[in-house]
C-alpha atoms as a PDB file:
ATOM      1  CA  UNK A   1      10.666  14.384 -31.182  1.00  0.00           C
ATOM      2  CA  UNK A   2       7.774  11.903 -31.222  1.00  0.00           C
ATOM      3  CA  UNK A   3       9.615   9.756 -28.692  1.00  0.00           C
ATOM      4  CA  UNK A   4       9.933  12.691 -26.272  1.00  0.00           C
ATOM      5  CA  UNK A   5       6.237  13.545 -26.593  1.00  0.00           C
ATOM      6  CA  UNK A   6       5.202   9.952 -25.975  1.00  0.00           C
ATOM      7  CA  UNK A   7       7.491   9.668 -22.947  1.00  0.00           C
ATOM      8  CA  UNK A   8       6.124  12.947 -21.576  1.00  0.00           C
ATOM      9  CA  UNK A   9       2.524  11.777 -21.958  1.00  0.00           C
ATOM     10  CA  UNK A  10       3.348   8.465 -20.287  1.00  0.00           C
ATOM     11  CA  UNK A  11       4.935  10.288 -17.349  1.00  0.00           C
ATOM     12  CA  UNK A  12       1.878  12.519 -16.932  1.00  0.00           C
ATOM     13  CA  UNK A  13      -0.410   9.488 -17.016  1.00  0.00           C
ATOM     14  CA  UNK A  14       1.635   7.701 -14.397  1.00  0.00           C
ATOM     15  CA  UNK A  15       1.721  10.719 -12.090  1.00  0.00           C
ATOM     16  CA  UNK A  16      -2.012  11.351 -12.302  1.00  0.00           C
ATOM     17  CA  UNK A  17      -3.005   7.676 -12.226  1.00  0.00           C
ATOM     18  CA  UNK A  18      -1.224   6.721  -9.028  1.00  0.00           C
ATOM     19  CA  UNK A  19      -0.354   8.716  -5.929  1.00  0.00           C
ATOM     20  CA  UNK A  20       0.916   7.773  -2.467  1.00  0.00           C
ATOM     21  CA  UNK A  21       0.809   9.532   0.884  1.00  0.00           C
ATOM     22  CA  UNK A  22       2.147   8.398   4.260  1.00  0.00           C
ATOM     23  CA  UNK A  23      -0.201   8.187   7.202  1.00  0.00           C
ATOM     24  CA  UNK A  24      -0.459   7.057  10.802  1.00  0.00           C
ATOM     25  CA  UNK A  25      -1.685   3.525  11.611  1.00  0.00           C
ATOM     26  CA  UNK A  26      -4.439   4.909  13.853  1.00  0.00           C
ATOM     27  CA  UNK A  27      -5.872   6.808  10.865  1.00  0.00           C
ATOM     28  CA  UNK A  28      -6.580   3.577   8.962  1.00  0.00           C
ATOM     29  CA  UNK A  29     -10.257   2.680   8.484  1.00  0.00           C
ATOM     30  CA  UNK A  30     -11.499   0.057  10.939  1.00  0.00           C
ATOM     31  CA  UNK A  31     -11.860  -2.765   8.330  1.00  0.00           C
ATOM     32  CA  UNK A  32      -8.255  -2.190   7.218  1.00  0.00           C
ATOM     33  CA  UNK A  33      -6.937  -2.243  10.808  1.00  0.00           C
ATOM     34  CA  UNK A  34      -8.848  -5.498  11.439  1.00  0.00           C
ATOM     35  CA  UNK A  35      -7.340  -7.131   8.337  1.00  0.00           C
ATOM     36  CA  UNK A  36      -3.844  -5.979   9.330  1.00  0.00           C
ATOM     37  CA  UNK A  37      -4.376  -7.282  12.882  1.00  0.00           C
ATOM     38  CA  UNK A  38      -5.595 -10.679  11.623  1.00  0.00           C
ATOM     39  CA  UNK A  39      -2.735 -10.977   9.125  1.00  0.00           C
ATOM     40  CA  UNK A  40      -0.051 -10.007  11.614  1.00  0.00           C
ATOM     41  CA  UNK A  41      -1.192 -12.646  14.133  1.00  0.00           C
ATOM     42  CA  UNK A  42       0.929 -15.042  12.083  1.00  0.00           C
ATOM     43  CA  UNK A  43       3.928 -12.798  12.898  1.00  0.00           C
ATOM     44  CA  UNK A  44       3.672 -12.051  16.641  1.00  0.00           C
ATOM     45  CA  UNK A  45       7.015 -10.214  16.753  1.00  0.00           C
ATOM     46  CA  UNK A  46       6.326  -8.053  13.681  1.00  0.00           C
ATOM     47  CA  UNK A  47       6.858  -4.287  13.709  1.00  0.00           C
ATOM     48  CA  UNK A  48       5.019  -1.953  11.348  1.00  0.00           C
ATOM     49  CA  UNK A  49       7.539   0.092   9.402  1.00  0.00           C
ATOM     50  CA  UNK A  50       5.387   2.174   7.052  1.00  0.00           C
ATOM     51  CA  UNK A  51       1.711   2.912   6.442  1.00  0.00           C
ATOM     52  CA  UNK A  52       0.623   4.673   3.278  1.00  0.00           C
ATOM     53  CA  UNK A  53      -2.515   5.331   1.278  1.00  0.00           C
ATOM     54  CA  UNK A  54      -2.307   4.893  -2.477  1.00  0.00           C
ATOM     55  CA  UNK A  55      -4.774   5.913  -5.116  1.00  0.00           C
ATOM     56  CA  UNK A  56      -4.632   3.939  -8.323  1.00  0.00           C
ATOM     57  CA  UNK A  57      -7.233   4.347 -11.057  1.00  0.00           C
ATOM     58  CA  UNK A  58      -9.563   6.024  -8.567  1.00  0.00           C
ATOM     59  CA  UNK A  59      -9.317   3.143  -6.091  1.00  0.00           C
ATOM     60  CA  UNK A  60      -7.985   3.676  -2.554  1.00  0.00           C
ATOM     61  CA  UNK A  61      -5.498   1.059  -1.354  1.00  0.00           C
ATOM     62  CA  UNK A  62      -3.720   1.037   2.000  1.00  0.00           C
ATOM     63  CA  UNK A  63      -0.164  -0.296   1.995  1.00  0.00           C
ATOM     64  CA  UNK A  64       1.329  -1.568   5.240  1.00  0.00           C
ATOM     65  CA  UNK A  65       4.976  -2.617   5.371  1.00  0.00           C
ATOM     66  CA  UNK A  66       6.168  -4.626   8.329  1.00  0.00           C
ATOM     67  CA  UNK A  67       9.295  -6.479   9.373  1.00  0.00           C
ATOM     68  CA  UNK A  68       9.179  -9.814  11.157  1.00  0.00           C
ATOM     69  CA  UNK A  69      11.660 -12.476  12.175  1.00  0.00           C
ATOM     70  CA  UNK A  70      11.691 -15.300   9.660  1.00  0.00           C
ATOM     71  CA  UNK A  71      10.934 -13.064   6.696  1.00  0.00           C
ATOM     72  CA  UNK A  72      13.464 -11.761   4.219  1.00  0.00           C
ATOM     73  CA  UNK A  73      13.311  -7.997   4.576  1.00  0.00           C
ATOM     74  CA  UNK A  74       9.966  -6.246   4.682  1.00  0.00           C
ATOM     75  CA  UNK A  75       6.578  -7.802   4.087  1.00  0.00           C
ATOM     76  CA  UNK A  76       4.163  -5.671   2.108  1.00  0.00           C
ATOM     77  CA  UNK A  77       0.409  -5.928   2.763  1.00  0.00           C
ATOM     78  CA  UNK A  78      -1.992  -4.057   0.478  1.00  0.00           C
ATOM     79  CA  UNK A  79      -5.609  -3.719   1.590  1.00  0.00           C
ATOM     80  CA  UNK A  80      -8.705  -2.092   0.068  1.00  0.00           C
ATOM     81  CA  UNK A  81     -10.668   0.346   2.244  1.00  0.00           C
ATOM     82  CA  UNK A  82     -13.318  -2.325   2.908  1.00  0.00           C
ATOM     83  CA  UNK A  83     -10.699  -4.689   4.380  1.00  0.00           C
ATOM     84  CA  UNK A  84     -10.195  -7.014   1.399  1.00  0.00           C
ATOM     85  CA  UNK A  85      -6.572  -7.909   0.687  1.00  0.00           C
ATOM     86  CA  UNK A  86      -5.365  -6.872  -2.759  1.00  0.00           C
ATOM     87  CA  UNK A  87      -4.368 -10.006  -4.652  1.00  0.00           C
ATOM     88  CA  UNK A  88      -0.859 -10.206  -6.061  1.00  0.00           C
END
């Protein structure tokens, strides 16, 4: 019984602590678009696959997934609202 309660509380914490919503590239804040533009210059043939806004511990992070030749699968770029890249 204790195990079920603990697992339930952990699930609630995860759900409330982190949320994701899809969005359009044009809706990104200007500093985020500039960072994405500068980063993608290294991949001139890249195509943006997904743009999403995540909230984690009250902090807004924009996640941009793109596909480019020479990369294995998708490349994931995570950027704070002020344009700083989230470190890995």
